Structure formats: C-alpha cells, structure tokens
Amino acid sequence: MQAELPPRERILNAAYELFSQRGIRDVGVEEVMARSGVAKATLYRHFPSKDALVLAFLACREQRWALGTVVAGARDRGRTPEERLLAVFDVFDEWFRREDFDACSFINVLLEMGRDHPLGRASIQHLENIRGIVRSMAQEAGLRDTDSFARSWHILMKGSIISAAEGDVEAARRAQAMARTLIEQHRHP
C-alpha cells in the first residue's frame, strides 16, 4: 500500500512514524529513505533539507493528530461546548493507554531542538495554534477571559502528556478534574 503512494507521501509517512516515535536527532534521512523506498535525489527534490522534512512532519502532525484526532474526537463526544472541552481529556485518556503512546511531537521537538532553533520556533507556533483552538472552544462555551483560560487549559493538556510519558496512565482523568474547576472559574457571573 505504501509503494502505491506518491514519493512525497511515502517520505512524509515514513518521517511521521520515525520522528513521532524517536525524535528528530535520532532519525537520519537515510533511515527515512530506506523506510519510504525512495532515492536520496527524490527525498531532496521534495524536501531540500532535513529541517524542511521536519517542518512538513510538524504540519502533518497538526493536521492528523491535533485536528484530526484530538479536536475532531472532542467535538464528536461532547454535546455542549463545555462537554467538548472536557472531552479533550477523554481522547487523551485513550491515547495515554495505548501501547504506541508517543507523547506530543511539538513538545518533544521544542525540548530537543530548543526554542531559538527554527524547528523549536515552529513547534511553539503549532502549540499556539492548539491554544487558539482551545480559545475558540472557550468562546463557544461563553467563558470569560478566553486567552487566560486557553493558556491555563493548555498547561493542563501539556502537563497531562508529560505525566503520561512518566507512566501515569490516569493523567488525563486528573487533568480533566482540574479542567472542570478551570471552567467554573471562567464562567460568566
């Protein structure tokens, strides 16, 4: 099935799997080429540098995971805007219990590369995009001070991911309990 895909998609799929599981520095372009079945010239025709490939991976991660799994999953599970916000942690709970739990690529790349590296800055932007989604969901819920809410909510999201990476499979449930309190604090009086 992978061989039937165009070369760019095969490269990106291989990079997605490898970078998600092992990080950026641990994966060389040779391994991406071998996994995707493309020649070096083909890889560099589509991605002129490893950094360009990582940037494409981060954009793909946002589409596939952040929007396609987390946001879509939360919207499917909740009937009201508040329920949809809380359902983020239901999606996380399932994710944290999976054998292939791979934590957050944006956090991982940021910590691996540093905030001043172009890939670190790209990760920060993707994290801001997620905060923007939370801010919009908070607006839909009629909460006040949605920027502050989104920043606090995002701390709960990121903190639960780190806790799960430490081995706490109940991290999403703990975060969800704190999230209920945060919603209460941001309801209009």
C-alpha atoms as a PDB file:
ATOM      1  CA  MET A   1       0.000   0.000   0.000  1.00  0.00           C
ATOM      2  CA  GLN A   2       2.853   2.413   0.877  1.00  0.00           C
ATOM      3  CA  ALA A   3       4.503   1.720  -2.538  1.00  0.00           C
ATOM      4  CA  GLU A   4       1.305   2.839  -4.302  1.00  0.00           C
ATOM      5  CA  LEU A   5       1.535   6.327  -2.773  1.00  0.00           C
ATOM      6  CA  PRO A   6       3.392   9.167  -4.489  1.00  0.00           C
ATOM      7  CA  PRO A   7       7.013   9.551  -3.289  1.00  0.00           C
ATOM      8  CA  ARG A   8       6.341  12.728  -1.263  1.00  0.00           C
ATOM      9  CA  GLU A   9       3.600  10.997   0.721  1.00  0.00           C
ATOM     10  CA  ARG A  10       5.749   7.905   1.281  1.00  0.00           C
ATOM     11  CA  ILE A  11       8.585  10.078   2.575  1.00  0.00           C
ATOM     12  CA  LEU A  12       6.273  12.049   4.850  1.00  0.00           C
ATOM     13  CA  ASN A  13       4.577   8.910   6.180  1.00  0.00           C
ATOM     14  CA  ALA A  14       7.954   7.323   6.959  1.00  0.00           C
ATOM     15  CA  ALA A  15       9.207  10.514   8.619  1.00  0.00           C
ATOM     16  CA  TYR A  16       5.959  10.859  10.578  1.00  0.00           C
ATOM     17  CA  GLU A  17       6.286   7.373  12.023  1.00  0.00           C
ATOM     18  CA  LEU A  18      10.004   7.668  12.798  1.00  0.00           C
ATOM     19  CA  PHE A  19      10.022  11.224  14.179  1.00  0.00           C
ATOM     20  CA  SER A  20       6.902  10.567  16.287  1.00  0.00           C
ATOM     21  CA  GLN A  21       8.462   7.522  17.882  1.00  0.00           C
ATOM     22  CA  ARG A  22      12.109   8.503  18.232  1.00  0.00           C
ATOM     23  CA  GLY A  23      12.534  12.238  17.861  1.00  0.00           C
ATOM     24  CA  ILE A  24      14.429  14.301  15.340  1.00  0.00           C
ATOM     25  CA  ARG A  25      18.117  13.851  16.082  1.00  0.00           C
ATOM     26  CA  ASP A  26      17.883  10.062  16.431  1.00  0.00           C
ATOM     27  CA  VAL A  27      16.477   9.621  12.917  1.00  0.00           C
ATOM     28  CA  GLY A  28      18.666  10.170   9.873  1.00  0.00           C
ATOM     29  CA  VAL A  29      17.499  10.899   6.357  1.00  0.00           C
ATOM     30  CA  GLU A  30      19.000   7.567   5.260  1.00  0.00           C
ATOM     31  CA  GLU A  31      16.546   5.757   7.523  1.00  0.00           C
ATOM     32  CA  VAL A  32      13.660   7.831   6.145  1.00  0.00           C
ATOM     33  CA  MET A  33      14.799   6.972   2.593  1.00  0.00           C
ATOM     34  CA  ALA A  34      15.026   3.264   3.424  1.00  0.00           C
ATOM     35  CA  ARG A  35      11.618   3.212   5.127  1.00  0.00           C
ATOM     36  CA  SER A  36       9.948   5.132   2.292  1.00  0.00           C
ATOM     37  CA  GLY A  37      11.757   3.304  -0.518  1.00  0.00           C
ATOM     38  CA  VAL A  38      12.981   6.437  -2.274  1.00  0.00           C
ATOM     39  CA  ALA A  39      16.395   7.534  -3.511  1.00  0.00           C
ATOM     40  CA  LYS A  40      18.296  10.430  -1.960  1.00  0.00           C
ATOM     41  CA  ALA A  41      17.632  12.639  -5.003  1.00  0.00           C
ATOM     42  CA  THR A  42      13.895  12.013  -4.654  1.00  0.00           C
ATOM     43  CA  LEU A  43      13.887  12.879  -0.965  1.00  0.00           C
ATOM     44  CA  TYR A  44      15.817  16.102  -1.523  1.00  0.00           C
ATOM     45  CA  ARG A  45      13.660  17.050  -4.514  1.00  0.00           C
ATOM     46  CA  HIS A  46      10.646  17.077  -2.202  1.00  0.00           C
ATOM     47  CA  PHE A  47      12.396  18.213   0.982  1.00  0.00           C
ATOM     48  CA  PRO A  48      15.604  20.216   0.346  1.00  0.00           C
ATOM     49  CA  SER A  49      16.862  19.637   3.920  1.00  0.00           C
ATOM     50  CA  LYS A  50      16.131  17.553   6.973  1.00  0.00           C
ATOM     51  CA  ASP A  51      14.738  20.690   8.629  1.00  0.00           C
ATOM     52  CA  ALA A  52      12.301  21.091   5.710  1.00  0.00           C
ATOM     53  CA  LEU A  53      11.203  17.483   6.247  1.00  0.00           C
ATOM     54  CA  VAL A  54      10.729  18.093   9.978  1.00  0.00           C
ATOM     55  CA  LEU A  55       8.666  21.226   9.276  1.00  0.00           C
ATOM     56  CA  ALA A  56       6.447  19.174   6.954  1.00  0.00           C
ATOM     57  CA  PHE A  57       6.189  16.467   9.640  1.00  0.00           C
ATOM     58  CA  LEU A  58       5.092  19.054  12.244  1.00  0.00           C
ATOM     59  CA  ALA A  59       2.435  20.448   9.886  1.00  0.00           C
ATOM     60  CA  CYS A  60       1.263  16.904   9.172  1.00  0.00           C
ATOM     61  CA  ARG A  61       1.166  16.130  12.910  1.00  0.00           C
ATOM     62  CA  GLU A  62      -1.042  19.159  13.485  1.00  0.00           C
ATOM     63  CA  GLN A  63      -3.456  18.058  10.754  1.00  0.00           C
ATOM     64  CA  ARG A  64      -3.523  14.354  11.557  1.00  0.00           C
ATOM     65  CA  TRP A  65      -3.248  14.344  15.318  1.00  0.00           C
ATOM     66  CA  ALA A  66      -4.165  17.723  16.822  1.00  0.00           C
ATOM     67  CA  LEU A  67      -7.041  18.472  14.447  1.00  0.00           C
ATOM     68  CA  GLY A  68      -7.914  15.040  13.061  1.00  0.00           C
ATOM     69  CA  THR A  69      -7.850  13.097  16.309  1.00  0.00           C
ATOM     70  CA  VAL A  70      -7.982  15.385  19.340  1.00  0.00           C
ATOM     71  CA  VAL A  71     -10.226  18.215  18.152  1.00  0.00           C
ATOM     72  CA  ALA A  72     -12.447  16.019  15.988  1.00  0.00           C
ATOM     73  CA  GLY A  73     -12.704  13.442  18.781  1.00  0.00           C
ATOM     74  CA  ALA A  74     -13.649  16.080  21.338  1.00  0.00           C
ATOM     75  CA  ARG A  75     -16.267  17.605  19.037  1.00  0.00           C
ATOM     76  CA  ASP A  76     -17.753  14.167  18.348  1.00  0.00           C
ATOM     77  CA  ARG A  77     -18.005  13.267  22.034  1.00  0.00           C
ATOM     78  CA  GLY A  78     -19.435  16.434  23.515  1.00  0.00           C
ATOM     79  CA  ARG A  79     -22.959  17.744  23.035  1.00  0.00           C
ATOM     80  CA  THR A  80     -22.265  21.176  24.524  1.00  0.00           C
ATOM     81  CA  PRO A  81     -19.206  23.420  24.151  1.00  0.00           C
ATOM     82  CA  GLU A  82     -18.164  22.682  27.751  1.00  0.00           C
ATOM     83  CA  GLU A  83     -18.537  18.935  27.202  1.00  0.00           C
ATOM     84  CA  ARG A  84     -16.396  19.232  24.066  1.00  0.00           C
ATOM     85  CA  LEU A  85     -13.672  20.987  26.029  1.00  0.00           C
ATOM     86  CA  LEU A  86     -13.699  18.283  28.697  1.00  0.00           C
ATOM     87  CA  ALA A  87     -13.791  15.559  26.036  1.00  0.00           C
ATOM     88  CA  VAL A  88     -10.257  16.548  25.021  1.00  0.00           C
ATOM     89  CA  PHE A  89      -9.156  14.650  28.110  1.00  0.00           C
ATOM     90  CA  ASP A  90     -11.307  11.644  27.151  1.00  0.00           C
ATOM     91  CA  VAL A  91      -9.381  11.498  23.880  1.00  0.00           C
ATOM     92  CA  PHE A  92      -6.134  11.874  25.835  1.00  0.00           C
ATOM     93  CA  ASP A  93      -7.163   9.105  28.233  1.00  0.00           C
ATOM     94  CA  GLU A  94      -7.498   6.637  25.358  1.00  0.00           C
ATOM     95  CA  TRP A  95      -4.230   7.856  23.847  1.00  0.00           C
ATOM     96  CA  PHE A  96      -2.318   7.559  27.123  1.00  0.00           C
ATOM     97  CA  ARG A  97      -3.413   3.929  27.496  1.00  0.00           C
ATOM     98  CA  ARG A  98      -2.277   2.899  24.022  1.00  0.00           C
ATOM     99  CA  GLU A  99       0.908   0.881  23.645  1.00  0.00           C
ATOM    100  CA  ASP A 100       2.097   3.228  20.905  1.00  0.00           C
ATOM    101  CA  PHE A 101       1.619   6.411  23.009  1.00  0.00           C
ATOM    102  CA  ASP A 102       4.251   8.775  21.654  1.00  0.00           C
ATOM    103  CA  ALA A 103       3.668  11.981  23.665  1.00  0.00           C
ATOM    104  CA  CYS A 104       3.482  15.363  21.951  1.00  0.00           C
ATOM    105  CA  SER A 105       5.728  15.885  18.939  1.00  0.00           C
ATOM    106  CA  PHE A 106       5.577  19.664  19.362  1.00  0.00           C
ATOM    107  CA  ILE A 107       6.802  19.455  22.963  1.00  0.00           C
ATOM    108  CA  ASN A 108       9.370  16.821  22.030  1.00  0.00           C
ATOM    109  CA  VAL A 109      10.823  18.835  19.143  1.00  0.00           C
ATOM    110  CA  LEU A 110      10.806  22.043  21.196  1.00  0.00           C
ATOM    111  CA  LEU A 111      12.726  20.370  24.030  1.00  0.00           C
ATOM    112  CA  GLU A 112      15.047  18.517  21.665  1.00  0.00           C
ATOM    113  CA  MET A 113      15.941  21.481  19.452  1.00  0.00           C
ATOM    114  CA  GLY A 114      15.442  24.468  21.773  1.00  0.00           C
ATOM    115  CA  ARG A 115      13.197  27.491  21.464  1.00  0.00           C
ATOM    116  CA  ASP A 116      15.645  29.508  19.330  1.00  0.00           C
ATOM    117  CA  HIS A 117      16.136  26.834  16.656  1.00  0.00           C
ATOM    118  CA  PRO A 118      13.827  27.195  13.616  1.00  0.00           C
ATOM    119  CA  LEU A 119      12.237  23.827  14.454  1.00  0.00           C
ATOM    120  CA  GLY A 120      11.728  24.927  18.061  1.00  0.00           C
ATOM    121  CA  ARG A 121      10.064  28.125  16.852  1.00  0.00           C
ATOM    122  CA  ALA A 122       7.846  26.089  14.511  1.00  0.00           C
ATOM    123  CA  SER A 123       6.865  23.858  17.442  1.00  0.00           C
ATOM    124  CA  ILE A 124       5.982  26.922  19.508  1.00  0.00           C
ATOM    125  CA  GLN A 125       3.759  28.129  16.650  1.00  0.00           C
ATOM    126  CA  HIS A 126       1.987  24.765  16.439  1.00  0.00           C
ATOM    127  CA  LEU A 127       1.418  24.855  20.211  1.00  0.00           C
ATOM    128  CA  GLU A 128      -0.035  28.365  19.808  1.00  0.00           C
ATOM    129  CA  ASN A 129      -2.342  27.019  17.094  1.00  0.00           C
ATOM    130  CA  ILE A 130      -3.655  24.475  19.600  1.00  0.00           C
ATOM    131  CA  ARG A 131      -4.162  27.237  22.181  1.00  0.00           C
ATOM    132  CA  GLY A 132      -6.086  29.131  19.515  1.00  0.00           C
ATOM    133  CA  ILE A 133      -8.398  26.169  19.060  1.00  0.00           C
ATOM    134  CA  VAL A 134      -8.936  25.976  22.829  1.00  0.00           C
ATOM    135  CA  ARG A 135      -9.591  29.733  22.887  1.00  0.00           C
ATOM    136  CA  SER A 136     -12.248  29.301  20.177  1.00  0.00           C
ATOM    137  CA  MET A 137     -13.835  26.423  22.058  1.00  0.00           C
ATOM    138  CA  ALA A 138     -13.891  28.584  25.202  1.00  0.00           C
ATOM    139  CA  GLN A 139     -15.597  31.371  23.252  1.00  0.00           C
ATOM    140  CA  GLU A 140     -18.196  28.870  22.008  1.00  0.00           C
ATOM    141  CA  ALA A 141     -18.757  27.909  25.652  1.00  0.00           C
ATOM    142  CA  GLY A 142     -19.305  31.561  26.581  1.00  0.00           C
ATOM    143  CA  LEU A 143     -16.385  31.610  29.017  1.00  0.00           C
ATOM    144  CA  ARG A 144     -14.718  34.858  30.015  1.00  0.00           C
ATOM    145  CA  ASP A 145     -11.054  35.834  29.580  1.00  0.00           C
ATOM    146  CA  THR A 146     -10.600  33.166  26.943  1.00  0.00           C
ATOM    147  CA  ASP A 147      -6.900  33.910  26.384  1.00  0.00           C
ATOM    148  CA  SER A 148      -6.061  33.281  30.030  1.00  0.00           C
ATOM    149  CA  PHE A 149      -8.362  30.262  30.014  1.00  0.00           C
ATOM    150  CA  ALA A 150      -6.658  28.806  26.918  1.00  0.00           C
ATOM    151  CA  ARG A 151      -3.193  29.255  28.434  1.00  0.00           C
ATOM    152  CA  SER A 152      -4.239  27.549  31.660  1.00  0.00           C
ATOM    153  CA  TRP A 153      -6.090  24.795  29.786  1.00  0.00           C
ATOM    154  CA  HIS A 154      -3.041  24.203  27.620  1.00  0.00           C
ATOM    155  CA  ILE A 155      -0.906  23.789  30.746  1.00  0.00           C
ATOM    156  CA  LEU A 156      -3.294  21.024  31.797  1.00  0.00           C
ATOM    157  CA  MET A 157      -3.036  19.409  28.370  1.00  0.00           C
ATOM    158  CA  LYS A 158       0.765  19.567  28.205  1.00  0.00           C
ATOM    159  CA  GLY A 159       1.185  18.591  31.849  1.00  0.00           C
ATOM    160  CA  SER A 160      -1.011  15.534  31.445  1.00  0.00           C
ATOM    161  CA  ILE A 161       1.003  14.467  28.385  1.00  0.00           C
ATOM    162  CA  ILE A 162       4.269  14.747  30.324  1.00  0.00           C
ATOM    163  CA  SER A 163       2.742  12.854  33.264  1.00  0.00           C
ATOM    164  CA  ALA A 164       1.573  10.112  30.908  1.00  0.00           C
ATOM    165  CA  ALA A 165       5.080   9.929  29.426  1.00  0.00           C
ATOM    166  CA  GLU A 166       6.308   9.377  33.000  1.00  0.00           C
ATOM    167  CA  GLY A 167       3.934   6.423  33.227  1.00  0.00           C
ATOM    168  CA  ASP A 168       0.833   7.939  34.859  1.00  0.00           C
ATOM    169  CA  VAL A 169      -1.973   6.430  32.778  1.00  0.00           C
ATOM    170  CA  GLU A 170      -4.527   8.292  34.928  1.00  0.00           C
ATOM    171  CA  ALA A 171      -3.054  11.688  33.977  1.00  0.00           C
ATOM    172  CA  ALA A 172      -5.918  12.625  31.655  1.00  0.00           C
ATOM    173  CA  ARG A 173      -8.512  11.899  34.352  1.00  0.00           C
ATOM    174  CA  ARG A 174      -6.578  14.025  36.868  1.00  0.00           C
ATOM    175  CA  ALA A 175      -6.287  16.861  34.346  1.00  0.00           C
ATOM    176  CA  GLN A 176      -9.982  16.613  33.488  1.00  0.00           C
ATOM    177  CA  ALA A 177     -10.911  17.059  37.161  1.00  0.00           C
ATOM    178  CA  MET A 178      -8.773  20.225  37.306  1.00  0.00           C
ATOM    179  CA  ALA A 179     -10.255  21.334  33.987  1.00  0.00           C
ATOM    180  CA  ARG A 180     -13.759  21.305  35.473  1.00  0.00           C
ATOM    181  CA  THR A 181     -12.588  23.752  38.130  1.00  0.00           C
ATOM    182  CA  LEU A 182     -10.970  25.941  35.494  1.00  0.00           C
ATOM    183  CA  ILE A 183     -14.234  26.078  33.539  1.00  0.00           C
ATOM    184  CA  GLU A 184     -16.079  27.104  36.712  1.00  0.00           C
ATOM    185  CA  GLN A 185     -13.569  29.894  37.318  1.00  0.00           C
ATOM    186  CA  HIS A 186     -14.075  31.260  33.804  1.00  0.00           C
ATOM    187  CA  ARG A 187     -17.857  31.144  33.596  1.00  0.00           C
ATOM    188  CA  HIS A 188     -19.541  34.497  33.324  1.00  0.00           C
ATOM    189  CA  PRO A 189     -21.028  35.530  36.692  1.00  0.00           C
END
